[in-house]
C-alpha atoms as a PDB file:
ATOM      1  CA  MET A   1      25.227  43.733  -6.995  1.00  0.00           C
ATOM      2  CA  LYS A   2      28.201  45.285  -8.718  1.00  0.00           C
ATOM      3  CA  ALA A   3      25.945  46.756 -11.391  1.00  0.00           C
ATOM      4  CA  LYS A   4      23.818  48.442  -8.715  1.00  0.00           C
ATOM      5  CA  THR A   5      26.958  49.806  -7.078  1.00  0.00           C
ATOM      6  CA  ARG A   6      28.172  51.256 -10.381  1.00  0.00           C
ATOM      7  CA  ARG A   7      24.776  52.857 -11.036  1.00  0.00           C
ATOM      8  CA  LYS A   8      24.741  54.344  -7.555  1.00  0.00           C
ATOM      9  CA  ARG A   9      28.245  55.734  -7.950  1.00  0.00           C
ATOM     10  CA  ALA A  10      27.342  57.252 -11.315  1.00  0.00           C
ATOM     11  CA  TYR A  11      24.230  58.796  -9.785  1.00  0.00           C
ATOM     12  CA  ASP A  12      26.204  60.166  -6.852  1.00  0.00           C
ATOM     13  CA  ALA A  13      28.824  61.677  -9.186  1.00  0.00           C
ATOM     14  CA  SER A  14      26.131  63.307 -11.301  1.00  0.00           C
ATOM     15  CA  GLY A  15      24.399  64.670  -8.229  1.00  0.00           C
ATOM     16  CA  ARG A  16      27.652  66.124  -6.911  1.00  0.00           C
ATOM     17  CA  ARG A  17      28.334  67.850 -10.237  1.00  0.00           C
ATOM     18  CA  GLU A  18      24.866  69.376 -10.278  1.00  0.00           C
ATOM     19  CA  GLU A  19      25.231  70.551  -6.696  1.00  0.00           C
ATOM     20  CA  ALA A  20      28.650  72.052  -7.488  1.00  0.00           C
ATOM     21  CA  GLU A  21      27.171  73.897 -10.478  1.00  0.00           C
ATOM     22  CA  ARG A  22      24.325  75.286  -8.364  1.00  0.00           C
ATOM     23  CA  THR A  23      26.832  76.425  -5.738  1.00  0.00           C
ATOM     24  CA  LYS A  24      28.924  78.126  -8.418  1.00  0.00           C
ATOM     25  CA  GLU A  25      25.871  79.931  -9.795  1.00  0.00           C
ATOM     26  CA  ARG A  26      24.946  81.047  -6.267  1.00  0.00           C
ATOM     27  CA  ILE A  27      28.440  82.469  -5.764  1.00  0.00           C
ATOM     28  CA  VAL A  28      28.312  84.369  -9.062  1.00  0.00           C
ATOM     29  CA  GLU A  29      24.864  85.763  -8.255  1.00  0.00           C
ATOM     30  CA  ALA A  30      26.002  86.884  -4.800  1.00  0.00           C
ATOM     31  CA  ALA A  31      29.123  88.528  -6.228  1.00  0.00           C
ATOM     32  CA  GLY A  32      27.004  90.339  -8.812  1.00  0.00           C
ATOM     33  CA  LYS A  33      24.759  91.801  -6.127  1.00  0.00           C
ATOM     34  CA  LEU A  34      27.758  92.902  -4.058  1.00  0.00           C
ATOM     35  CA  LEU A  35      29.301  94.595  -7.088  1.00  0.00           C
ATOM     36  CA  ARG A  36      26.336  96.958  -7.206  1.00  0.00           C
ATOM     37  CA  THR A  37      27.686  98.641  -4.088  1.00  0.00           C
ATOM     38  CA  VAL A  38      31.454  97.953  -4.055  1.00  0.00           C
ATOM     39  CA  ARG A  39      34.177  98.373  -6.647  1.00  0.00           C
ATOM     40  CA  PRO A  40      35.617  95.175  -8.192  1.00  0.00           C
ATOM     41  CA  GLU A  41      39.009  95.615  -6.533  1.00  0.00           C
ATOM     42  CA  SER A  42      37.275  95.880  -3.146  1.00  0.00           C
ATOM     43  CA  LEU A  43      35.278  92.676  -3.528  1.00  0.00           C
ATOM     44  CA  SER A  44      35.982  90.402  -0.556  1.00  0.00           C
ATOM     45  CA  TYR A  45      35.921  86.607  -0.753  1.00  0.00           C
ATOM     46  CA  GLY A  46      34.597  86.608   2.780  1.00  0.00           C
ATOM     47  CA  ASP A  47      31.672  88.844   1.858  1.00  0.00           C
ATOM     48  CA  VAL A  48      30.935  86.701  -1.201  1.00  0.00           C
ATOM     49  CA  ALA A  49      30.977  83.580   0.959  1.00  0.00           C
ATOM     50  CA  ASP A  50      28.603  85.130   3.516  1.00  0.00           C
ATOM     51  CA  ALA A  51      26.241  86.381   0.814  1.00  0.00           C
ATOM     52  CA  SER A  52      26.126  83.026  -0.969  1.00  0.00           C
ATOM     53  CA  GLY A  53      25.931  80.932   2.207  1.00  0.00           C
ATOM     54  CA  VAL A  54      29.099  78.905   1.613  1.00  0.00           C
ATOM     55  CA  ALA A  55      32.530  78.666   3.180  1.00  0.00           C
ATOM     56  CA  VAL A  56      35.334  80.924   1.963  1.00  0.00           C
ATOM     57  CA  ARG A  57      37.318  77.888   0.827  1.00  0.00           C
ATOM     58  CA  THR A  58      34.369  76.911  -1.392  1.00  0.00           C
ATOM     59  CA  VAL A  59      34.544  80.265  -3.168  1.00  0.00           C
ATOM     60  CA  TYR A  60      38.289  79.819  -3.655  1.00  0.00           C
ATOM     61  CA  ARG A  61      37.778  76.298  -4.976  1.00  0.00           C
ATOM     62  CA  HIS A  62      35.454  77.532  -7.717  1.00  0.00           C
ATOM     63  CA  PHE A  63      37.298  80.818  -8.371  1.00  0.00           C
ATOM     64  CA  PRO A  64      40.975  80.690  -7.324  1.00  0.00           C
ATOM     65  CA  GLU A  65      41.544  84.190  -8.754  1.00  0.00           C
ATOM     66  CA  LEU A  66      39.364  87.277  -8.304  1.00  0.00           C
ATOM     67  CA  THR A  67      39.592  88.016 -12.034  1.00  0.00           C
ATOM     68  CA  GLU A  68      37.920  84.651 -12.723  1.00  0.00           C
ATOM     69  CA  LEU A  69      34.989  85.561 -10.489  1.00  0.00           C
ATOM     70  CA  LEU A  70      34.648  89.017 -12.053  1.00  0.00           C
ATOM     71  CA  ARG A  71      34.748  87.485 -15.519  1.00  0.00           C
ATOM     72  CA  ALA A  72      32.007  85.034 -14.557  1.00  0.00           C
ATOM     73  CA  VAL A  73      29.805  87.872 -13.285  1.00  0.00           C
ATOM     74  CA  ALA A  74      30.387  89.917 -16.450  1.00  0.00           C
ATOM     75  CA  ARG A  75      29.729  86.920 -18.703  1.00  0.00           C
ATOM     76  CA  THR A  76      26.466  86.132 -16.919  1.00  0.00           C
ATOM     77  CA  THR A  77      25.333  89.755 -17.203  1.00  0.00           C
ATOM     78  CA  ILE A  78      26.092  90.030 -20.914  1.00  0.00           C
ATOM     79  CA  GLN A  79      24.526  86.679 -21.707  1.00  0.00           C
ATOM     80  CA  ARG A  80      21.382  87.711 -19.848  1.00  0.00           C
ATOM     81  CA  PHE A  81      21.124  90.818 -21.988  1.00  0.00           C
ATOM     82  CA  ALA A  82      22.110  89.018 -25.215  1.00  0.00           C
ATOM     83  CA  ALA A  83      19.361  86.476 -24.579  1.00  0.00           C
ATOM     84  CA  ASP A  84      16.853  89.320 -24.990  1.00  0.00           C
ATOM     85  CA  GLY A  85      17.883  89.763 -28.607  1.00  0.00           C
ATOM     86  CA  LEU A  86      21.123  91.720 -28.883  1.00  0.00           C
ATOM     87  CA  SER A  87      21.876  90.276 -32.326  1.00  0.00           C
ATOM     88  CA  LYS A  88      18.449  90.836 -33.889  1.00  0.00           C
ATOM     89  CA  SER A  89      17.878  92.993 -36.962  1.00  0.00           C
ATOM     90  CA  ARG A  90      19.098  96.572 -37.337  1.00  0.00           C
ATOM     91  CA  ALA A  91      15.472  97.727 -37.371  1.00  0.00           C
ATOM     92  CA  GLU A  92      15.341  96.923 -33.670  1.00  0.00           C
ATOM     93  CA  GLY A  93      18.710  98.515 -32.907  1.00  0.00           C
ATOM     94  CA  ALA A  94      17.271 101.590 -31.201  1.00  0.00           C
ATOM     95  CA  ALA A  95      15.039  99.494 -28.964  1.00  0.00           C
ATOM     96  CA  GLN A  96      17.950  97.215 -28.077  1.00  0.00           C
ATOM     97  CA  LEU A  97      20.221 100.125 -27.207  1.00  0.00           C
ATOM     98  CA  ALA A  98      17.435 101.593 -25.081  1.00  0.00           C
ATOM     99  CA  ALA A  99      17.020  98.226 -23.332  1.00  0.00           C
ATOM    100  CA  PHE A 100      20.747  98.126 -22.614  1.00  0.00           C
ATOM    101  CA  HIS A 101      20.572 101.605 -21.104  1.00  0.00           C
ATOM    102  CA  ARG A 102      17.593 100.566 -18.982  1.00  0.00           C
ATOM    103  CA  VAL A 103      19.648  97.654 -17.651  1.00  0.00           C
ATOM    104  CA  LEU A 104      22.421 100.049 -16.696  1.00  0.00           C
ATOM    105  CA  SER A 105      19.876 102.445 -15.215  1.00  0.00           C
ATOM    106  CA  ALA A 106      18.520  99.718 -12.940  1.00  0.00           C
ATOM    107  CA  GLU A 107      22.033  98.614 -11.960  1.00  0.00           C
ATOM    108  CA  PRO A 108      24.282 101.699 -12.353  1.00  0.00           C
ATOM    109  CA  SER A 109      27.440  99.948 -11.185  1.00  0.00           C
ATOM    110  CA  LEU A 110      27.350  97.360 -13.988  1.00  0.00           C
ATOM    111  CA  PHE A 111      29.855  99.357 -16.018  1.00  0.00           C
ATOM    112  CA  ARG A 112      32.454  98.610 -13.329  1.00  0.00           C
ATOM    113  CA  ILE A 113      32.068  94.903 -14.000  1.00  0.00           C
ATOM    114  CA  PHE A 114      32.373  95.328 -17.757  1.00  0.00           C
ATOM    115  CA  MET A 115      35.404  97.569 -17.457  1.00  0.00           C
ATOM    116  CA  ALA A 116      37.086  95.347 -14.869  1.00  0.00           C
ATOM    117  CA  ALA A 117      36.562  92.057 -16.704  1.00  0.00           C
ATOM    118  CA  PRO A 118      35.708  92.507 -20.399  1.00  0.00           C
ATOM    119  CA  VAL A 119      34.285  89.338 -21.918  1.00  0.00           C
ATOM    120  CA  ARG A 120      32.659  90.703 -25.070  1.00  0.00           C
ATOM    121  CA  SER A 121      35.260  88.949 -27.214  1.00  0.00           C
ATOM    122  CA  GLU A 122      34.062  85.613 -25.846  1.00  0.00           C
ATOM    123  CA  LEU A 123      30.571  86.426 -27.112  1.00  0.00           C
ATOM    124  CA  ASP A 124      31.846  87.463 -30.572  1.00  0.00           C
ATOM    125  CA  TYR A 125      30.622  90.980 -29.932  1.00  0.00           C
ATOM    126  CA  GLU A 126      32.193  92.366 -33.112  1.00  0.00           C
ATOM    127  CA  ARG A 127      30.129  89.954 -35.219  1.00  0.00           C
ATOM    128  CA  VAL A 128      27.019  91.050 -33.343  1.00  0.00           C
ATOM    129  CA  LEU A 129      27.764  94.697 -34.138  1.00  0.00           C
ATOM    130  CA  ARG A 130      28.395  93.919 -37.805  1.00  0.00           C
ATOM    131  CA  GLU A 131      25.064  92.116 -38.095  1.00  0.00           C
ATOM    132  CA  LEU A 132      23.173  94.785 -36.175  1.00  0.00           C
ATOM    133  CA  TYR A 133      24.469  97.637 -38.348  1.00  0.00           C
ATOM    134  CA  ALA A 134      24.861  95.757 -41.633  1.00  0.00           C
ATOM    135  CA  ASP A 135      22.714  98.161 -43.656  1.00  0.00           C
ATOM    136  CA  VAL A 136      24.414 101.221 -42.147  1.00  0.00           C
ATOM    137  CA  LEU A 137      27.884  99.861 -43.007  1.00  0.00           C
ATOM    138  CA  GLU A 138      26.937  98.989 -46.577  1.00  0.00           C
ATOM    139  CA  GLY A 139      28.758 101.113 -49.153  1.00  0.00           C
ATOM    140  CA  PHE A 140      31.558 102.233 -46.838  1.00  0.00           C
ATOM    141  CA  SER A 141      35.208 101.386 -47.374  1.00  0.00           C
ATOM    142  CA  PRO A 142      36.797  98.833 -44.994  1.00  0.00           C
ATOM    143  CA  GLU A 143      38.590 101.657 -43.170  1.00  0.00           C
ATOM    144  CA  HIS A 144      35.377 103.629 -42.712  1.00  0.00           C
ATOM    145  CA  ARG A 145      33.493 100.495 -41.588  1.00  0.00           C
ATOM    146  CA  THR A 146      36.141  99.936 -38.934  1.00  0.00           C
ATOM    147  CA  ALA A 147      35.765 103.525 -37.720  1.00  0.00           C
ATOM    148  CA  LEU A 148      31.973 103.231 -37.611  1.00  0.00           C
ATOM    149  CA  LEU A 149      32.084  99.924 -35.746  1.00  0.00           C
ATOM    150  CA  ALA A 150      34.486 101.447 -33.230  1.00  0.00           C
ATOM    151  CA  LEU A 151      32.060 104.312 -32.694  1.00  0.00           C
ATOM    152  CA  PHE A 152      29.067 101.974 -32.309  1.00  0.00           C
ATOM    153  CA  ASP A 153      31.096  99.919 -29.845  1.00  0.00           C
ATOM    154  CA  LEU A 154      31.977 103.028 -27.855  1.00  0.00           C
ATOM    155  CA  LEU A 155      28.420 104.384 -27.817  1.00  0.00           C
ATOM    156  CA  SER A 156      27.005 101.085 -26.545  1.00  0.00           C
ATOM    157  CA  SER A 157      29.741 100.654 -23.944  1.00  0.00           C
ATOM    158  CA  PRO A 158      29.508 101.176 -20.186  1.00  0.00           C
ATOM    159  CA  PHE A 159      32.094 103.961 -20.606  1.00  0.00           C
ATOM    160  CA  ALA A 160      29.541 106.027 -22.542  1.00  0.00           C
ATOM    161  CA  TRP A 161      26.997 105.368 -19.814  1.00  0.00           C
ATOM    162  CA  GLU A 162      29.418 106.475 -17.115  1.00  0.00           C
ATOM    163  CA  VAL A 163      30.200 109.734 -18.896  1.00  0.00           C
ATOM    164  CA  LEU A 164      26.643 110.623 -19.926  1.00  0.00           C
ATOM    165  CA  HIS A 165      24.755 109.386 -16.879  1.00  0.00           C
ATOM    166  CA  THR A 166      27.172 109.678 -13.960  1.00  0.00           C
ATOM    167  CA  ASN A 167      29.164 112.730 -15.058  1.00  0.00           C
ATOM    168  CA  TRP A 168      26.645 114.646 -17.172  1.00  0.00           C
ATOM    169  CA  HIS A 169      23.494 113.447 -15.368  1.00  0.00           C
ATOM    170  CA  LEU A 170      21.656 112.675 -18.601  1.00  0.00           C
ATOM    171  CA  PRO A 171      18.496 110.539 -18.108  1.00  0.00           C
ATOM    172  CA  PRO A 172      18.452 107.086 -19.781  1.00  0.00           C
ATOM    173  CA  GLU A 173      16.046 107.939 -22.605  1.00  0.00           C
ATOM    174  CA  ARG A 174      18.167 110.945 -23.597  1.00  0.00           C
ATOM    175  CA  ILE A 175      21.339 108.842 -23.508  1.00  0.00           C
ATOM    176  CA  THR A 176      19.800 106.516 -26.075  1.00  0.00           C
ATOM    177  CA  ARG A 177      18.832 109.424 -28.329  1.00  0.00           C
ATOM    178  CA  ALA A 178      22.241 111.053 -27.925  1.00  0.00           C
ATOM    179  CA  CYS A 179      24.083 107.847 -28.872  1.00  0.00           C
ATOM    180  CA  LEU A 180      21.890 107.189 -31.895  1.00  0.00           C
ATOM    181  CA  ALA A 181      22.181 110.811 -33.030  1.00  0.00           C
ATOM    182  CA  ALA A 182      25.979 110.748 -32.692  1.00  0.00           C
ATOM    183  CA  ALA A 183      26.196 107.561 -34.761  1.00  0.00           C
ATOM    184  CA  GLN A 184      23.919 109.040 -37.435  1.00  0.00           C
ATOM    185  CA  VAL A 185      25.867 112.307 -37.617  1.00  0.00           C
ATOM    186  CA  PHE A 186      29.176 110.460 -37.923  1.00  0.00           C
ATOM    187  CA  ALA A 187      27.861 108.164 -40.660  1.00  0.00           C
ATOM    188  CA  ASP A 188      26.408 111.104 -42.602  1.00  0.00           C
ATOM    189  CA  GLY A 189      29.629 113.054 -42.219  1.00  0.00           C
ATOM    190  CA  ILE A 190      31.763 110.206 -43.526  1.00  0.00           C
ATOM    191  CA  ARG A 191      29.467 109.811 -46.527  1.00  0.00           C
ATOM    192  CA  ARG A 192      29.751 113.492 -47.420  1.00  0.00           C
ATOM    193  CA  HIS A 193      33.420 113.890 -46.488  1.00  0.00           C
ATOM    194  CA  PRO A 194      35.235 110.553 -46.925  1.00  0.00           C
ATOM    195  CA  ASP A 195      38.597 112.303 -46.406  1.00  0.00           C
ATOM    196  CA  TRP A 196      37.840 113.129 -42.741  1.00  0.00           C
ATOM    197  CA  LEU A 197      39.934 110.169 -41.599  1.00  0.00           C
ATOM    198  CA  GLU A 198      42.956 111.261 -43.641  1.00  0.00           C
ATOM    199  CA  PRO A 199      45.605 112.897 -41.398  1.00  0.00           C
ATOM    200  CA  SER A 200      46.739 115.119 -44.274  1.00  0.00           C
ATOM    201  CA  GLU A 201      43.291 116.665 -44.703  1.00  0.00           C
ATOM    202  CA  PRO A 202      41.729 119.434 -42.565  1.00  0.00           C
ATOM    203  CA  PRO A 203      39.785 118.085 -39.564  1.00  0.00           C
ATOM    204  CA  PRO A 204      35.979 118.149 -39.453  1.00  0.00           C
ATOM    205  CA  PRO A 205      34.601 121.686 -38.981  1.00  0.00           C
ATOM    206  CA  LEU A 206      33.581 121.103 -35.370  1.00  0.00           C
ATOM    207  CA  PHE A 207      37.216 120.530 -34.385  1.00  0.00           C
ATOM    208  CA  GLY A 208      38.813 122.944 -36.853  1.00  0.00           C
ATOM    209  CA  GLU A 209      40.132 126.413 -36.170  1.00  0.00           C
ATOM    210  CA  PRO A 210      37.353 128.981 -35.652  1.00  0.00           C
ATOM    211  CA  ARG A 211      36.835 131.234 -38.626  1.00  0.00           C
ATOM    212  CA  SER A 212      37.921 134.844 -38.231  1.00  0.00           C
ATOM    213  CA  SER A 213      35.345 137.611 -38.332  1.00  0.00           C
ATOM    214  CA  GLU A 214      36.790 138.787 -41.668  1.00  0.00           C
ATOM    215  CA  SER A 215      36.425 135.377 -43.294  1.00  0.00           C
ATOM    216  CA  LYS A 216      32.904 135.094 -41.908  1.00  0.00           C
ATOM    217  CA  ARG A 217      32.041 138.504 -43.420  1.00  0.00           C
ATOM    218  CA  LYS A 218      33.520 137.551 -46.793  1.00  0.00           C
ATOM    219  CA  GLY A 219      31.595 134.316 -46.784  1.00  0.00           C
ATOM    220  CA  HIS A 220      28.414 136.203 -45.965  1.00  0.00           C
ATOM    221  CA  ASP A 221      29.010 138.810 -48.676  1.00  0.00           C
ATOM    222  CA  SER A 222      29.635 136.173 -51.291  1.00  0.00           C
END
């Protein structure tokens, strides 16, 4: 009789854990949908509770702090995208970046979640970038590799999407091409001019002082 009681209690405990996990997932999903229309700082526990069909105290029990809930939403979003092959070979890098932009295109407010609760470090995002661009980084100095990785990180970030899509109204397919082109130009420039990162050297031509008409004429005559 005691053995049956122990088995029943173990079963009940397991069932309660599974139910709690399902409730937590429902809360995260509801919060994610709400964040498509409201800013993270405006997210209401009451609205999350209504959308997920639970009591407000249940939301608080699973996520005592709003930052914890935002982090859970961001983690779920990134993991969903990473599951589609974020860390595959460099040969598929363009397709992966395009897929990421399509995700943002379908849910334009996702960048708010990323910016409000960054969790890329939890997913070892730097390692993913290094693997994805291994052949591009080959042959560069450690300092130049760091600069390139920072650029790749920036170009694949929600910040880039916000600037190019929201502010400059660039369509998704052109955002992908613009990001890839910028990365290629930077890599080519560093190869040809490795001193670009040196503060004591003149800046790249694009950001340098415009040439005077006289110097342009001399250059043309020569």
